[in-house]
C-alpha atoms as a PDB file:
ATOM      1  CA  MET A   1     -38.429 -23.404  34.321  1.00  0.00           C
ATOM      2  CA  LEU A   2     -41.816 -22.437  35.547  1.00  0.00           C
ATOM      3  CA  VAL A   3     -44.003 -23.134  32.567  1.00  0.00           C
ATOM      4  CA  LEU A   4     -47.478 -21.206  32.824  1.00  0.00           C
ATOM      5  CA  THR A   5     -50.971 -21.252  30.447  1.00  0.00           C
ATOM      6  CA  ARG A   6     -52.495 -18.320  30.078  1.00  0.00           C
ATOM      7  CA  HIS A   7     -55.662 -17.152  28.080  1.00  0.00           C
ATOM      8  CA  LEU A   8     -56.252 -13.941  26.289  1.00  0.00           C
ATOM      9  CA  ASN A   9     -56.627 -11.215  28.563  1.00  0.00           C
ATOM     10  CA  GLN A  10     -55.103 -12.820  31.720  1.00  0.00           C
ATOM     11  CA  SER A  11     -51.896 -11.963  33.294  1.00  0.00           C
ATOM     12  CA  LEU A  12     -49.205 -12.879  35.456  1.00  0.00           C
ATOM     13  CA  GLN A  13     -47.359 -11.232  38.193  1.00  0.00           C
ATOM     14  CA  VAL A  14     -43.652 -10.833  38.053  1.00  0.00           C
ATOM     15  CA  GLY A  15     -42.057  -9.640  41.640  1.00  0.00           C
ATOM     16  CA  GLU A  16     -44.023  -6.992  42.988  1.00  0.00           C
ATOM     17  CA  ALA A  17     -43.509  -4.299  40.334  1.00  0.00           C
ATOM     18  CA  VAL A  18     -43.816  -6.318  36.880  1.00  0.00           C
ATOM     19  CA  THR A  19     -47.143  -7.671  35.115  1.00  0.00           C
ATOM     20  CA  LEU A  20     -47.257  -9.430  31.843  1.00  0.00           C
ATOM     21  CA  ARG A  21     -50.712  -9.919  29.867  1.00  0.00           C
ATOM     22  CA  ILE A  22     -51.774 -11.594  26.724  1.00  0.00           C
ATOM     23  CA  LEU A  23     -53.229  -9.225  24.623  1.00  0.00           C
ATOM     24  CA  ASN A  24     -53.926 -11.169  21.506  1.00  0.00           C
ATOM     25  CA  ILE A  25     -53.459 -14.695  20.305  1.00  0.00           C
ATOM     26  CA  ASN A  26     -53.435 -15.209  16.210  1.00  0.00           C
ATOM     27  CA  ASN A  27     -52.073 -18.052  14.308  1.00  0.00           C
ATOM     28  CA  GLY A  28     -49.596 -19.381  17.050  1.00  0.00           C
ATOM     29  CA  ASN A  29     -48.384 -15.963  17.551  1.00  0.00           C
ATOM     30  CA  VAL A  30     -48.968 -14.430  21.301  1.00  0.00           C
ATOM     31  CA  ARG A  31     -49.104 -10.484  21.841  1.00  0.00           C
ATOM     32  CA  PHE A  32     -48.373  -9.699  25.280  1.00  0.00           C
ATOM     33  CA  GLY A  33     -47.653  -6.323  27.044  1.00  0.00           C
ATOM     34  CA  ILE A  34     -45.194  -5.687  29.865  1.00  0.00           C
ATOM     35  CA  ASP A  35     -46.202  -3.393  32.463  1.00  0.00           C
ATOM     36  CA  ALA A  36     -43.014  -2.265  34.649  1.00  0.00           C
ATOM     37  CA  PRO A  37     -41.152   0.755  36.218  1.00  0.00           C
ATOM     38  CA  SER A  38     -39.278   2.616  33.856  1.00  0.00           C
ATOM     39  CA  ASP A  39     -35.993   1.620  35.780  1.00  0.00           C
ATOM     40  CA  VAL A  40     -36.468  -2.148  34.785  1.00  0.00           C
ATOM     41  CA  LEU A  41     -34.581  -3.195  31.616  1.00  0.00           C
ATOM     42  CA  ILE A  42     -36.432  -5.275  29.276  1.00  0.00           C
ATOM     43  CA  LEU A  43     -35.099  -6.565  26.350  1.00  0.00           C
ATOM     44  CA  ARG A  44     -35.884  -9.139  23.331  1.00  0.00           C
ATOM     45  CA  GLU A  45     -33.630 -12.045  23.639  1.00  0.00           C
ATOM     46  CA  GLU A  46     -31.985 -11.844  20.621  1.00  0.00           C
ATOM     47  CA  LEU A  47     -30.794  -8.353  21.796  1.00  0.00           C
ATOM     48  CA  ALA A  48     -29.980  -9.198  25.147  1.00  0.00           C
ATOM     49  CA  ASN A  49     -27.544 -11.718  23.586  1.00  0.00           C
ATOM     50  CA  ARG A  50     -25.534  -9.344  21.095  1.00  0.00           C
ATOM     51  CA  MET A  51     -24.912  -6.931  24.342  1.00  0.00           C
ATOM     52  CA  ASN A  52     -22.338  -7.632  26.687  1.00  0.00           C
ATOM     53  CA  THR A  53     -23.828  -8.911  30.424  1.00  0.00           C
ATOM     54  CA  THR A  54     -21.798  -6.452  32.116  1.00  0.00           C
ATOM     55  CA  THR A  55     -23.878  -3.504  30.560  1.00  0.00           C
ATOM     56  CA  LEU A  56     -27.177  -5.556  31.594  1.00  0.00           C
ATOM     57  CA  LYS A  57     -26.314  -4.770  35.682  1.00  0.00           C
ATOM     58  CA  PRO A  58     -29.313  -2.977  37.085  1.00  0.00           C
ATOM     59  CA  SER A  59     -28.959   0.261  38.049  1.00  0.00           C
ATOM     60  CA  VAL A  60     -28.936   1.398  41.886  1.00  0.00           C
ATOM     61  CA  THR A  61     -31.955   3.942  42.226  1.00  0.00           C
ATOM     62  CA  ASP A  62     -33.792   5.318  45.491  1.00  0.00           C
ATOM     63  CA  ARG A  63     -36.532   2.732  44.320  1.00  0.00           C
ATOM     64  CA  ASN A  64     -34.667  -0.594  44.162  1.00  0.00           C
ATOM     65  CA  LYS A  65     -31.387  -0.034  46.542  1.00  0.00           C
ATOM     66  CA  ASN A  66     -32.732  -2.150  49.518  1.00  0.00           C
ATOM     67  CA  GLN A  67     -33.496  -4.808  46.710  1.00  0.00           C
ATOM     68  CA  PRO A  68     -31.322  -7.681  45.679  1.00  0.00           C
ATOM     69  CA  GLN A  69     -28.992  -7.261  42.483  1.00  0.00           C
ATOM     70  CA  VAL A  70     -29.567  -9.560  39.709  1.00  0.00           C
ATOM     71  CA  THR A  71     -27.151  -9.929  36.992  1.00  0.00           C
ATOM     72  CA  TYR A  72     -28.692 -11.334  33.798  1.00  0.00           C
ATOM     73  CA  LYS A  73     -26.787 -14.135  32.158  1.00  0.00           C
ATOM     74  CA  PRO A  74     -28.373 -15.785  29.193  1.00  0.00           C
ATOM     75  CA  ARG A  75     -28.622 -19.402  29.624  1.00  0.00           C
ATOM     76  CA  ARG A  76     -30.379 -19.985  26.095  1.00  0.00           C
ATOM     77  CA  LYS A  77     -30.703 -18.963  22.494  1.00  0.00           C
ATOM     78  CA  LYS A  78     -34.176 -19.550  22.222  1.00  0.00           C
ATOM     79  CA  LEU A  79     -37.237 -18.854  24.532  1.00  0.00           C
ATOM     80  CA  VAL A  80     -40.277 -20.932  23.730  1.00  0.00           C
ATOM     81  CA  LEU A  81     -43.167 -19.334  26.035  1.00  0.00           C
ATOM     82  CA  ASP A  82     -46.176 -22.062  26.006  1.00  0.00           C
ATOM     83  CA  LEU A  83     -49.519 -19.796  26.557  1.00  0.00           C
END
């Protein structure tokens, strides 16, 4: 696991197409925005845990057909972001 510290209005890049930006920090809660292409599936962990992992395989489009395929397999019950 990679653990990072970010401050308000700072961001981090995930791959070439996804950016996470810290929008607000208030009373121990962190609000962040995700900027990603529309073909990138983004789910809250509790929703992803409810779904069958076979439905989470990325679709192959002209945009990502040359990219490696990634299968999502939840490994934890709780996600902790230390920002």
